[in-house]
All heavy atoms as atom14 arrays in JSON, in Angstrom:
{
  "sequence": "TLMILTLQAGVAGQMIFSDLKRVSDQPLMVPR",
  "atom14_mask": [
    [1, 1, 1, 1, 1, 1, 1, 0, 0, 0, 0, 0, 0, 0],
    [1, 1, 1, 1, 1, 1, 1, 1, 0, 0, 0, 0, 0, 0],
    [1, 1, 1, 1, 1, 1, 1, 1, 0, 0, 0, 0, 0, 0],
    [1, 1, 1, 1, 1, 1, 1, 1, 0, 0, 0, 0, 0, 0],
    [1, 1, 1, 1, 1, 1, 1, 1, 0, 0, 0, 0, 0, 0],
    [1, 1, 1, 1, 1, 1, 1, 0, 0, 0, 0, 0, 0, 0],
    [1, 1, 1, 1, 1, 1, 1, 1, 0, 0, 0, 0, 0, 0],
    [1, 1, 1, 1, 1, 1, 1, 1, 1, 0, 0, 0, 0, 0],
    [1, 1, 1, 1, 1, 0, 0, 0, 0, 0, 0, 0, 0, 0],
    [1, 1, 1, 1, 0, 0, 0, 0, 0, 0, 0, 0, 0, 0],
    [1, 1, 1, 1, 1, 1, 1, 0, 0, 0, 0, 0, 0, 0],
    [1, 1, 1, 1, 1, 0, 0, 0, 0, 0, 0, 0, 0, 0],
    [1, 1, 1, 1, 0, 0, 0, 0, 0, 0, 0, 0, 0, 0],
    [1, 1, 1, 1, 1, 1, 1, 1, 1, 0, 0, 0, 0, 0],
    [1, 1, 1, 1, 1, 1, 1, 1, 0, 0, 0, 0, 0, 0],
    [1, 1, 1, 1, 1, 1, 1, 1, 0, 0, 0, 0, 0, 0],
    [1, 1, 1, 1, 1, 1, 1, 1, 1, 1, 1, 0, 0, 0],
    [1, 1, 1, 1, 1, 1, 0, 0, 0, 0, 0, 0, 0, 0],
    [1, 1, 1, 1, 1, 1, 1, 1, 0, 0, 0, 0, 0, 0],
    [1, 1, 1, 1, 1, 1, 1, 1, 0, 0, 0, 0, 0, 0],
    [1, 1, 1, 1, 1, 1, 1, 1, 1, 0, 0, 0, 0, 0],
    [1, 1, 1, 1, 1, 1, 1, 1, 1, 1, 1, 0, 0, 0],
    [1, 1, 1, 1, 1, 1, 1, 0, 0, 0, 0, 0, 0, 0],
    [1, 1, 1, 1, 1, 1, 0, 0, 0, 0, 0, 0, 0, 0],
    [1, 1, 1, 1, 1, 1, 1, 1, 0, 0, 0, 0, 0, 0],
    [1, 1, 1, 1, 1, 1, 1, 1, 1, 0, 0, 0, 0, 0],
    [1, 1, 1, 1, 1, 1, 1, 0, 0, 0, 0, 0, 0, 0],
    [1, 1, 1, 1, 1, 1, 1, 1, 0, 0, 0, 0, 0, 0],
    [1, 1, 1, 1, 1, 1, 1, 1, 0, 0, 0, 0, 0, 0],
    [1, 1, 1, 1, 1, 1, 1, 0, 0, 0, 0, 0, 0, 0],
    [1, 1, 1, 1, 1, 1, 1, 0, 0, 0, 0, 0, 0, 0],
    [1, 1, 1, 1, 1, 1, 1, 1, 1, 1, 1, 0, 0, 0]
  ],
  "atom14_positions": [
    [[-73.69, 116.81, -90.78], [-73.91, 115.37, -90.9], [-74.02, 114.72, -89.54], [-74.88, 113.87, -89.3], [-72.75, 114.73, -91.69], [-72.66, 115.34, -92.96], [-72.98, 113.24, -91.86], [0.0, 0.0, 0.0], [0.0, 0.0, 0.0], [0.0, 0.0, 0.0], [0.0, 0.0, 0.0], [0.0, 0.0, 0.0], [0.0, 0.0, 0.0], [0.0, 0.0, 0.0]],
    [[-73.15, 115.14, -88.61], [-73.18, 114.57, -87.28], [-74.49, 114.9, -86.58], [-75.06, 114.06, -85.88], [-72.01, 115.1, -86.46], [-71.8, 114.49, -85.07], [-71.63, 112.99, -85.17], [-70.59, 115.12, -84.4], [0.0, 0.0, 0.0], [0.0, 0.0, 0.0], [0.0, 0.0, 0.0], [0.0, 0.0, 0.0], [0.0, 0.0, 0.0], [0.0, 0.0, 0.0]],
    [[-75.02, 116.11, -86.79], [-76.31, 116.48, -86.22], [-77.41, 115.57, -86.74], [-78.25, 115.09, -85.99], [-76.64, 117.93, -86.56], [-75.87, 118.97, -85.77], [-76.42, 120.62, -86.23], [-75.47, 121.61, -85.1], [0.0, 0.0, 0.0], [0.0, 0.0, 0.0], [0.0, 0.0, 0.0], [0.0, 0.0, 0.0], [0.0, 0.0, 0.0], [0.0, 0.0, 0.0]],
    [[-77.39, 115.34, -88.06], [-78.42, 114.49, -88.67], [-78.36, 113.08, -88.1], [-79.39, 112.49, -87.74], [-78.25, 114.46, -90.2], [-78.57, 115.84, -90.79], [-79.15, 113.4, -90.82], [-78.23, 115.97, -92.26], [0.0, 0.0, 0.0], [0.0, 0.0, 0.0], [0.0, 0.0, 0.0], [0.0, 0.0, 0.0], [0.0, 0.0, 0.0], [0.0, 0.0, 0.0]],
    [[-77.15, 112.54, -87.98], [-77.01, 111.2, -87.42], [-77.51, 111.15, -86.0], [-78.13, 110.18, -85.57], [-75.54, 110.76, -87.48], [-74.99, 110.49, -88.88], [-73.47, 110.36, -88.82], [-75.62, 109.26, -89.48], [0.0, 0.0, 0.0], [0.0, 0.0, 0.0], [0.0, 0.0, 0.0], [0.0, 0.0, 0.0], [0.0, 0.0, 0.0], [0.0, 0.0, 0.0]],
    [[-77.24, 112.2, -85.23], [-77.69, 112.23, -83.85], [-79.21, 112.32, -83.78], [-79.85, 111.66, -82.97], [-77.06, 113.44, -83.12], [-75.65, 113.37, -83.28], [-77.38, 113.41, -81.63], [0.0, 0.0, 0.0], [0.0, 0.0, 0.0], [0.0, 0.0, 0.0], [0.0, 0.0, 0.0], [0.0, 0.0, 0.0], [0.0, 0.0, 0.0], [0.0, 0.0, 0.0]],
    [[-79.81, 113.15, -84.63], [-81.26, 113.27, -84.65], [-81.91, 111.95, -85.02], [-82.96, 111.59, -84.49], [-81.68, 114.36, -85.65], [-81.36, 115.8, -85.21], [-81.58, 116.75, -86.37], [-82.24, 116.2, -84.04], [0.0, 0.0, 0.0], [0.0, 0.0, 0.0], [0.0, 0.0, 0.0], [0.0, 0.0, 0.0], [0.0, 0.0, 0.0], [0.0, 0.0, 0.0]],
    [[-81.26, 111.19, -85.91], [-81.79, 109.88, -86.28], [-81.81, 108.94, -85.08], [-82.61, 108.02, -85.02], [-80.95, 109.28, -87.41], [-81.16, 109.98, -88.74], [-80.21, 109.47, -89.81], [-79.23, 108.79, -89.52], [-80.49, 109.8, -91.05], [0.0, 0.0, 0.0], [0.0, 0.0, 0.0], [0.0, 0.0, 0.0], [0.0, 0.0, 0.0], [0.0, 0.0, 0.0]],
    [[-80.89, 109.18, -84.12], [-80.87, 108.36, -82.91], [-81.92, 108.81, -81.9], [-82.06, 108.2, -80.84], [-79.48, 108.43, -82.27], [0.0, 0.0, 0.0], [0.0, 0.0, 0.0], [0.0, 0.0, 0.0], [0.0, 0.0, 0.0], [0.0, 0.0, 0.0], [0.0, 0.0, 0.0], [0.0, 0.0, 0.0], [0.0, 0.0, 0.0], [0.0, 0.0, 0.0]],
    [[-82.65, 109.89, -82.19], [-83.72, 110.32, -81.33], [-83.28, 111.12, -80.13], [-83.87, 111.01, -79.06], [0.0, 0.0, 0.0], [0.0, 0.0, 0.0], [0.0, 0.0, 0.0], [0.0, 0.0, 0.0], [0.0, 0.0, 0.0], [0.0, 0.0, 0.0], [0.0, 0.0, 0.0], [0.0, 0.0, 0.0], [0.0, 0.0, 0.0], [0.0, 0.0, 0.0]],
    [[-82.25, 111.97, -80.27], [-81.72, 112.69, -79.13], [-81.63, 114.19, -79.43], [-80.69, 114.86, -79.05], [-80.34, 112.16, -78.72], [-80.47, 110.77, -78.16], [-79.37, 112.16, -79.91], [0.0, 0.0, 0.0], [0.0, 0.0, 0.0], [0.0, 0.0, 0.0], [0.0, 0.0, 0.0], [0.0, 0.0, 0.0], [0.0, 0.0, 0.0], [0.0, 0.0, 0.0]],
    [[-82.64, 114.73, -80.1], [-82.62, 116.15, -80.45], [-82.53, 117.02, -79.21], [-83.11, 116.72, -78.18], [-83.88, 116.5, -81.24], [0.0, 0.0, 0.0], [0.0, 0.0, 0.0], [0.0, 0.0, 0.0], [0.0, 0.0, 0.0], [0.0, 0.0, 0.0], [0.0, 0.0, 0.0], [0.0, 0.0, 0.0], [0.0, 0.0, 0.0], [0.0, 0.0, 0.0]],
    [[-81.78, 118.13, -79.32], [-81.67, 119.09, -78.24], [-80.58, 118.8, -77.24], [-80.51, 119.47, -76.22], [0.0, 0.0, 0.0], [0.0, 0.0, 0.0], [0.0, 0.0, 0.0], [0.0, 0.0, 0.0], [0.0, 0.0, 0.0], [0.0, 0.0, 0.0], [0.0, 0.0, 0.0], [0.0, 0.0, 0.0], [0.0, 0.0, 0.0], [0.0, 0.0, 0.0]],
    [[-79.7, 117.85, -77.5], [-78.67, 117.5, -76.54], [-77.29, 117.91, -77.02], [-77.03, 118.02, -78.21], [-78.7, 115.99, -76.25], [-79.97, 115.6, -75.48], [-80.06, 114.12, -75.22], [-79.66, 113.32, -76.05], [-80.58, 113.76, -74.07], [0.0, 0.0, 0.0], [0.0, 0.0, 0.0], [0.0, 0.0, 0.0], [0.0, 0.0, 0.0], [0.0, 0.0, 0.0]],
    [[-76.38, 118.15, -76.05], [-75.04, 118.62, -76.36], [-74.15, 117.46, -76.76], [-74.11, 116.43, -76.1], [-74.44, 119.31, -75.14], [-75.19, 120.55, -74.69], [-75.25, 121.86, -75.92], [-73.53, 122.32, -76.0], [0.0, 0.0, 0.0], [0.0, 0.0, 0.0], [0.0, 0.0, 0.0], [0.0, 0.0, 0.0], [0.0, 0.0, 0.0], [0.0, 0.0, 0.0]],
    [[-73.43, 117.63, -77.87], [-72.52, 116.61, -78.36], [-71.23, 117.28, -78.82], [-71.16, 118.5, -78.94], [-73.13, 115.81, -79.53], [-73.49, 116.75, -80.68], [-74.35, 115.04, -79.07], [-73.99, 116.05, -81.91], [0.0, 0.0, 0.0], [0.0, 0.0, 0.0], [0.0, 0.0, 0.0], [0.0, 0.0, 0.0], [0.0, 0.0, 0.0], [0.0, 0.0, 0.0]],
    [[-70.21, 116.49, -79.09], [-68.96, 117.02, -79.62], [-69.05, 117.16, -81.13], [-69.58, 116.29, -81.82], [-67.79, 116.1, -79.29], [-67.23, 116.32, -77.92], [-67.47, 115.41, -76.91], [-66.46, 117.43, -77.63], [-66.96, 115.6, -75.64], [-65.94, 117.64, -76.38], [-66.19, 116.71, -75.37], [0.0, 0.0, 0.0], [0.0, 0.0, 0.0], [0.0, 0.0, 0.0]],
    [[-68.49, 118.24, -81.64], [-68.32, 118.36, -83.07], [-67.13, 117.5, -83.5], [-66.4, 116.97, -82.66], [-68.04, 119.83, -83.45], [-66.81, 120.26, -82.88], [0.0, 0.0, 0.0], [0.0, 0.0, 0.0], [0.0, 0.0, 0.0], [0.0, 0.0, 0.0], [0.0, 0.0, 0.0], [0.0, 0.0, 0.0], [0.0, 0.0, 0.0], [0.0, 0.0, 0.0]],
    [[-66.95, 117.36, -84.8], [-65.78, 116.64, -85.29], [-64.5, 117.27, -84.75], [-64.41, 118.49, -84.59], [-65.72, 116.69, -86.82], [-66.71, 115.73, -87.47], [-67.42, 115.03, -86.73], [-66.75, 115.69, -88.7], [0.0, 0.0, 0.0], [0.0, 0.0, 0.0], [0.0, 0.0, 0.0], [0.0, 0.0, 0.0], [0.0, 0.0, 0.0], [0.0, 0.0, 0.0]],
    [[-63.51, 116.45, -84.47], [-62.22, 116.95, -84.0], [-61.4, 117.45, -85.19], [-61.37, 116.8, -86.24], [-61.45, 115.86, -83.27], [-61.79, 115.66, -81.79], [-63.21, 115.18, -81.6], [-60.82, 114.67, -81.16], [0.0, 0.0, 0.0], [0.0, 0.0, 0.0], [0.0, 0.0, 0.0], [0.0, 0.0, 0.0], [0.0, 0.0, 0.0], [0.0, 0.0, 0.0]],
    [[-60.74, 118.58, -84.99], [-59.87, 119.14, -86.02], [-58.46, 119.24, -85.44], [-58.27, 119.76, -84.34], [-60.36, 120.51, -86.47], [-61.76, 120.5, -87.08], [-62.16, 121.89, -87.54], [-63.58, 121.91, -88.08], [-63.75, 121.0, -89.23], [0.0, 0.0, 0.0], [0.0, 0.0, 0.0], [0.0, 0.0, 0.0], [0.0, 0.0, 0.0], [0.0, 0.0, 0.0]],
    [[-57.49, 118.77, -86.19], [-56.11, 118.78, -85.7], [-55.61, 120.21, -85.53], [-55.77, 121.04, -86.42], [-55.21, 118.01, -86.65], [-55.43, 116.51, -86.6], [-54.83, 115.8, -87.8], [-55.06, 114.36, -87.72], [-56.21, 113.77, -88.06], [-57.23, 114.5, -88.51], [-56.35, 112.46, -87.94], [0.0, 0.0, 0.0], [0.0, 0.0, 0.0], [0.0, 0.0, 0.0]],
    [[-54.98, 120.47, -84.39], [-54.35, 121.76, -84.17], [-53.07, 121.86, -84.99], [-52.7, 122.93, -85.47], [-54.05, 121.96, -82.67], [-53.28, 123.25, -82.42], [-55.35, 121.96, -81.87], [0.0, 0.0, 0.0], [0.0, 0.0, 0.0], [0.0, 0.0, 0.0], [0.0, 0.0, 0.0], [0.0, 0.0, 0.0], [0.0, 0.0, 0.0], [0.0, 0.0, 0.0]],
    [[-52.4, 120.74, -85.15], [-51.16, 120.68, -85.93], [-51.15, 119.4, -86.75], [-51.63, 118.35, -86.3], [-49.95, 120.7, -85.0], [-48.75, 120.46, -85.72], [0.0, 0.0, 0.0], [0.0, 0.0, 0.0], [0.0, 0.0, 0.0], [0.0, 0.0, 0.0], [0.0, 0.0, 0.0], [0.0, 0.0, 0.0], [0.0, 0.0, 0.0], [0.0, 0.0, 0.0]],
    [[-50.61, 119.51, -87.96], [-50.46, 118.31, -88.79], [-49.21, 117.51, -88.42], [-48.96, 116.45, -88.99], [-50.4, 118.7, -90.27], [-51.75, 119.16, -90.79], [-52.78, 118.71, -90.26], [-51.78, 119.98, -91.73], [0.0, 0.0, 0.0], [0.0, 0.0, 0.0], [0.0, 0.0, 0.0], [0.0, 0.0, 0.0], [0.0, 0.0, 0.0], [0.0, 0.0, 0.0]],
    [[-48.43, 118.04, -87.48], [-47.24, 117.35, -87.01], [-47.45, 116.92, -85.56], [-48.19, 117.56, -84.81], [-46.02, 118.28, -87.1], [-45.71, 118.76, -88.49], [-45.42, 117.62, -89.45], [-44.73, 116.66, -89.09], [-45.94, 117.72, -90.67], [0.0, 0.0, 0.0], [0.0, 0.0, 0.0], [0.0, 0.0, 0.0], [0.0, 0.0, 0.0], [0.0, 0.0, 0.0]],
    [[-46.82, 115.85, -85.12], [-46.97, 115.42, -83.72], [-46.38, 116.42, -82.74], [-45.4, 117.1, -83.04], [-46.23, 114.08, -83.68], [-45.29, 114.11, -84.83], [-45.95, 114.94, -85.89], [0.0, 0.0, 0.0], [0.0, 0.0, 0.0], [0.0, 0.0, 0.0], [0.0, 0.0, 0.0], [0.0, 0.0, 0.0], [0.0, 0.0, 0.0], [0.0, 0.0, 0.0]],
    [[-46.98, 116.48, -81.55], [-46.43, 117.31, -80.47], [-45.17, 116.69, -79.9], [-44.25, 117.39, -79.5], [-47.45, 117.48, -79.33], [-48.79, 118.12, -79.64], [-49.55, 118.35, -78.35], [-48.62, 119.41, -80.4], [0.0, 0.0, 0.0], [0.0, 0.0, 0.0], [0.0, 0.0, 0.0], [0.0, 0.0, 0.0], [0.0, 0.0, 0.0], [0.0, 0.0, 0.0]],
    [[-45.16, 115.37, -79.83], [-44.02, 114.64, -79.27], [-43.79, 113.37, -80.05], [-44.73, 112.74, -80.54], [-44.27, 114.26, -77.8], [-44.32, 115.39, -76.84], [-44.43, 114.75, -75.14], [-44.83, 116.25, -74.27], [0.0, 0.0, 0.0], [0.0, 0.0, 0.0], [0.0, 0.0, 0.0], [0.0, 0.0, 0.0], [0.0, 0.0, 0.0], [0.0, 0.0, 0.0]],
    [[-42.53, 112.99, -80.14], [-42.13, 111.74, -80.76], [-41.09, 111.09, -79.84], [-40.58, 111.74, -78.92], [-41.53, 111.96, -82.17], [-42.59, 112.53, -83.11], [-40.32, 112.89, -82.09], [0.0, 0.0, 0.0], [0.0, 0.0, 0.0], [0.0, 0.0, 0.0], [0.0, 0.0, 0.0], [0.0, 0.0, 0.0], [0.0, 0.0, 0.0], [0.0, 0.0, 0.0]],
    [[-40.78, 109.83, -80.04], [-39.73, 109.2, -79.22], [-38.41, 109.97, -79.33], [-38.14, 110.61, -80.35], [-39.61, 107.81, -79.83], [-40.91, 107.56, -80.51], [-41.37, 108.88, -81.01], [0.0, 0.0, 0.0], [0.0, 0.0, 0.0], [0.0, 0.0, 0.0], [0.0, 0.0, 0.0], [0.0, 0.0, 0.0], [0.0, 0.0, 0.0], [0.0, 0.0, 0.0]],
    [[-37.61, 109.9, -78.26], [-36.32, 110.59, -78.3], [-35.3, 109.84, -77.45], [-35.64, 109.11, -76.51], [-36.46, 112.02, -77.8], [-36.81, 112.14, -76.34], [-36.77, 113.57, -75.85], [-37.01, 113.66, -74.41], [-36.9, 114.77, -73.69], [-36.56, 115.9, -74.28], [-37.13, 114.75, -72.39], [0.0, 0.0, 0.0], [0.0, 0.0, 0.0], [0.0, 0.0, 0.0]]
  ]
}
């Protein structure tokens, strides 16, 4: 989907970020 949206913007062939995926469903740090 992100590729399609980018192509609609007229920028075929360029490097972009894929969707971000969480490494963890829990926070790395919280207040303490």
